[in-house]
Amino acid sequence: MTLNDGEVNTEYIVEKLCLPIHMEKRLQALGMTSGTKVIVLNNKSGGTLIIKVRGTRFAIGKGISKNIEVRRVWYGS
């Protein structure tokens, strides 16, 4: 699934960044790499996604979030 499809207050793990190399490098410099935990804080209808990565909140657009592959973190038995 992509980060754009993420549910609010749900934790995901980044699997793959499928972006142009300059955008990918920028996100990696901000701490978003494969294996990083990401929490979706808000998914606005206009396309803006508010996420928390390594303790920092970011706002990213739909064009970027739909190119970040994630998997949901499941807790419990």
N, C-alpha and C. Protein backbone atom coordinates (compact mmCIF):
# COMPACT_ATOMS: atom_id res chain seq x y z
N MET A 1 0.84 -1.18 0.00
CA MET A 1 0.00 0.00 0.00
C MET A 1 0.88 1.23 0.00
N THR A 2 0.30 2.35 -0.34
CA THR A 2 1.07 3.59 -0.34
C THR A 2 0.71 4.42 0.90
N LEU A 3 1.58 5.34 1.24
CA LEU A 3 1.35 6.19 2.41
C LEU A 3 0.10 7.05 2.23
N ASN A 4 -0.21 7.40 1.00
CA ASN A 4 -1.40 8.19 0.70
C ASN A 4 -2.67 7.49 1.16
N ASP A 5 -2.68 6.16 1.18
CA ASP A 5 -3.84 5.38 1.59
C ASP A 5 -3.90 5.16 3.10
N GLY A 6 -2.92 5.70 3.82
CA GLY A 6 -2.82 5.46 5.25
C GLY A 6 -3.96 6.04 6.06
N GLU A 7 -4.27 5.36 7.15
CA GLU A 7 -5.31 5.80 8.08
C GLU A 7 -4.71 6.67 9.18
N VAL A 8 -5.49 7.60 9.67
CA VAL A 8 -5.04 8.52 10.72
C VAL A 8 -4.77 7.75 12.01
N ASN A 9 -3.74 8.16 12.73
CA ASN A 9 -3.30 7.56 14.00
C ASN A 9 -2.88 6.10 13.84
N THR A 10 -2.34 5.76 12.69
CA THR A 10 -1.87 4.41 12.43
C THR A 10 -0.39 4.46 12.09
N GLU A 11 0.34 3.46 12.56
CA GLU A 11 1.78 3.41 12.36
C GLU A 11 2.12 2.48 11.19
N TYR A 12 3.05 2.93 10.36
CA TYR A 12 3.48 2.18 9.20
C TYR A 12 5.00 2.12 9.17
N ILE A 13 5.52 1.20 8.39
CA ILE A 13 6.96 1.10 8.16
C ILE A 13 7.21 1.34 6.68
N VAL A 14 8.14 2.23 6.39
CA VAL A 14 8.48 2.54 5.00
C VAL A 14 9.16 1.34 4.37
N GLU A 15 8.63 0.89 3.25
CA GLU A 15 9.21 -0.23 2.50
C GLU A 15 10.11 0.27 1.38
N LYS A 16 9.61 1.27 0.63
CA LYS A 16 10.33 1.72 -0.56
C LYS A 16 9.91 3.12 -0.94
N LEU A 17 10.87 3.92 -1.37
CA LEU A 17 10.58 5.25 -1.91
C LEU A 17 10.70 5.16 -3.43
N CYS A 18 9.64 5.47 -4.14
CA CYS A 18 9.61 5.40 -5.60
C CYS A 18 9.47 6.81 -6.16
N LEU A 19 10.45 7.63 -5.89
CA LEU A 19 10.41 9.04 -6.26
C LEU A 19 11.62 9.39 -7.12
N PRO A 20 11.58 10.56 -7.79
CA PRO A 20 12.79 11.02 -8.47
C PRO A 20 13.93 11.12 -7.46
N ILE A 21 15.14 10.88 -7.92
CA ILE A 21 16.29 10.75 -7.02
C ILE A 21 16.49 11.98 -6.13
N HIS A 22 16.23 13.19 -6.63
CA HIS A 22 16.43 14.37 -5.79
C HIS A 22 15.42 14.43 -4.63
N MET A 23 14.18 14.01 -4.88
CA MET A 23 13.17 13.97 -3.81
C MET A 23 13.48 12.86 -2.82
N GLU A 24 13.89 11.73 -3.36
CA GLU A 24 14.23 10.59 -2.50
C GLU A 24 15.38 10.94 -1.57
N LYS A 25 16.41 11.59 -2.09
CA LYS A 25 17.57 11.99 -1.28
C LYS A 25 17.16 13.00 -0.21
N ARG A 26 16.25 13.90 -0.55
CA ARG A 26 15.79 14.91 0.40
C ARG A 26 15.04 14.25 1.56
N LEU A 27 14.15 13.31 1.25
CA LEU A 27 13.42 12.60 2.31
C LEU A 27 14.37 11.75 3.15
N GLN A 28 15.36 11.15 2.53
CA GLN A 28 16.34 10.37 3.28
C GLN A 28 17.14 11.27 4.21
N ALA A 29 17.46 12.47 3.76
CA ALA A 29 18.19 13.42 4.60
C ALA A 29 17.35 13.85 5.80
N LEU A 30 16.02 13.83 5.65
CA LEU A 30 15.12 14.17 6.74
C LEU A 30 14.82 12.98 7.65
N GLY A 31 15.36 11.81 7.31
CA GLY A 31 15.21 10.65 8.17
C GLY A 31 14.25 9.60 7.67
N MET A 32 13.63 9.80 6.51
CA MET A 32 12.69 8.82 6.00
C MET A 32 13.45 7.85 5.07
N THR A 33 13.82 6.72 5.63
CA THR A 33 14.51 5.69 4.88
C THR A 33 13.73 4.38 5.00
N SER A 34 14.12 3.38 4.24
CA SER A 34 13.46 2.07 4.34
C SER A 34 13.61 1.55 5.75
N GLY A 35 12.52 1.06 6.31
CA GLY A 35 12.51 0.54 7.67
C GLY A 35 12.12 1.55 8.73
N THR A 36 11.96 2.80 8.35
CA THR A 36 11.59 3.85 9.29
C THR A 36 10.10 3.78 9.63
N LYS A 37 9.77 3.97 10.90
CA LYS A 37 8.36 4.02 11.32
C LYS A 37 7.80 5.40 11.04
N VAL A 38 6.58 5.42 10.51
CA VAL A 38 5.88 6.66 10.16
C VAL A 38 4.47 6.57 10.74
N ILE A 39 4.03 7.65 11.38
CA ILE A 39 2.66 7.71 11.90
C ILE A 39 1.90 8.76 11.11
N VAL A 40 0.74 8.40 10.59
CA VAL A 40 -0.11 9.35 9.88
C VAL A 40 -0.91 10.13 10.93
N LEU A 41 -0.69 11.43 11.00
CA LEU A 41 -1.39 12.27 11.97
C LEU A 41 -2.67 12.86 11.41
N ASN A 42 -2.66 13.19 10.13
CA ASN A 42 -3.84 13.78 9.50
C ASN A 42 -3.77 13.54 7.99
N ASN A 43 -4.89 13.18 7.41
CA ASN A 43 -4.97 12.96 5.98
C ASN A 43 -6.07 13.87 5.45
N LYS A 44 -5.69 15.07 5.03
CA LYS A 44 -6.66 16.07 4.61
C LYS A 44 -7.20 15.76 3.23
N SER A 45 -8.44 16.14 3.00
CA SER A 45 -9.11 15.83 1.74
C SER A 45 -8.45 16.52 0.54
N GLY A 46 -7.76 17.63 0.78
CA GLY A 46 -7.10 18.34 -0.32
C GLY A 46 -5.86 17.66 -0.83
N GLY A 47 -5.41 16.62 -0.14
CA GLY A 47 -4.25 15.88 -0.59
C GLY A 47 -3.04 16.00 0.31
N THR A 48 -3.06 16.93 1.27
CA THR A 48 -1.93 17.08 2.18
C THR A 48 -1.98 16.01 3.26
N LEU A 49 -0.84 15.43 3.54
CA LEU A 49 -0.73 14.38 4.54
C LEU A 49 0.23 14.87 5.62
N ILE A 50 -0.20 14.85 6.86
CA ILE A 50 0.66 15.21 7.99
C ILE A 50 1.15 13.91 8.60
N ILE A 51 2.47 13.75 8.67
CA ILE A 51 3.06 12.53 9.20
C ILE A 51 4.09 12.85 10.27
N LYS A 52 4.40 11.87 11.08
CA LYS A 52 5.44 12.01 12.10
C LYS A 52 6.51 10.98 11.80
N VAL A 53 7.73 11.46 11.60
CA VAL A 53 8.88 10.62 11.28
C VAL A 53 9.99 10.93 12.27
N ARG A 54 10.40 9.94 13.04
CA ARG A 54 11.50 10.10 14.02
C ARG A 54 11.29 11.31 14.92
N GLY A 55 10.04 11.51 15.37
CA GLY A 55 9.73 12.58 16.32
C GLY A 55 9.46 13.94 15.71
N THR A 56 9.52 14.05 14.38
CA THR A 56 9.30 15.32 13.70
C THR A 56 8.09 15.22 12.79
N ARG A 57 7.25 16.26 12.82
CA ARG A 57 6.07 16.28 11.96
C ARG A 57 6.41 16.89 10.61
N PHE A 58 5.87 16.28 9.56
CA PHE A 58 6.06 16.77 8.20
C PHE A 58 4.72 16.85 7.50
N ALA A 59 4.61 17.79 6.58
CA ALA A 59 3.45 17.85 5.68
C ALA A 59 3.97 17.52 4.30
N ILE A 60 3.38 16.50 3.69
CA ILE A 60 3.78 16.13 2.34
C ILE A 60 2.55 16.07 1.46
N GLY A 61 2.74 16.35 0.20
CA GLY A 61 1.63 16.36 -0.75
C GLY A 61 1.28 14.97 -1.26
N LYS A 62 0.14 14.92 -1.92
CA LYS A 62 -0.37 13.67 -2.48
C LYS A 62 0.59 13.09 -3.51
N GLY A 63 1.21 13.93 -4.32
CA GLY A 63 2.14 13.48 -5.35
C GLY A 63 3.33 12.73 -4.78
N ILE A 64 3.75 13.10 -3.58
CA ILE A 64 4.86 12.41 -2.92
C ILE A 64 4.36 11.19 -2.16
N SER A 65 3.29 11.36 -1.38
CA SER A 65 2.82 10.27 -0.53
C SER A 65 2.33 9.05 -1.31
N LYS A 66 1.85 9.25 -2.52
CA LYS A 66 1.39 8.10 -3.31
C LYS A 66 2.55 7.31 -3.91
N ASN A 67 3.77 7.81 -3.75
CA ASN A 67 4.95 7.12 -4.25
C ASN A 67 5.83 6.57 -3.13
N ILE A 68 5.28 6.48 -1.93
CA ILE A 68 5.99 5.90 -0.79
C ILE A 68 5.25 4.63 -0.39
N GLU A 69 5.90 3.49 -0.58
CA GLU A 69 5.28 2.21 -0.24
C GLU A 69 5.53 1.91 1.24
N VAL A 70 4.45 1.51 1.93
CA VAL A 70 4.53 1.22 3.36
C VAL A 70 3.78 -0.06 3.68
N ARG A 71 4.04 -0.57 4.88
CA ARG A 71 3.24 -1.67 5.41
C ARG A 71 2.84 -1.29 6.83
N ARG A 72 1.67 -1.74 7.21
CA ARG A 72 1.12 -1.40 8.52
C ARG A 72 1.82 -2.19 9.62
N VAL A 73 2.01 -1.54 10.76
CA VAL A 73 2.57 -2.20 11.94
C VAL A 73 1.42 -2.78 12.74
N TRP A 74 1.48 -4.06 13.02
CA TRP A 74 0.44 -4.74 13.81
C TRP A 74 1.00 -5.08 15.17
N TYR A 75 0.24 -4.74 16.20
CA TYR A 75 0.63 -5.04 17.57
C TYR A 75 -0.38 -6.03 18.15
N GLY A 76 0.03 -6.72 19.16
CA GLY A 76 -0.87 -7.65 19.84
C GLY A 76 -0.69 -9.08 19.36
N SER A 77 -1.59 -9.93 19.82
CA SER A 77 -1.47 -11.36 19.47
C SER A 77 -2.21 -11.73 18.22
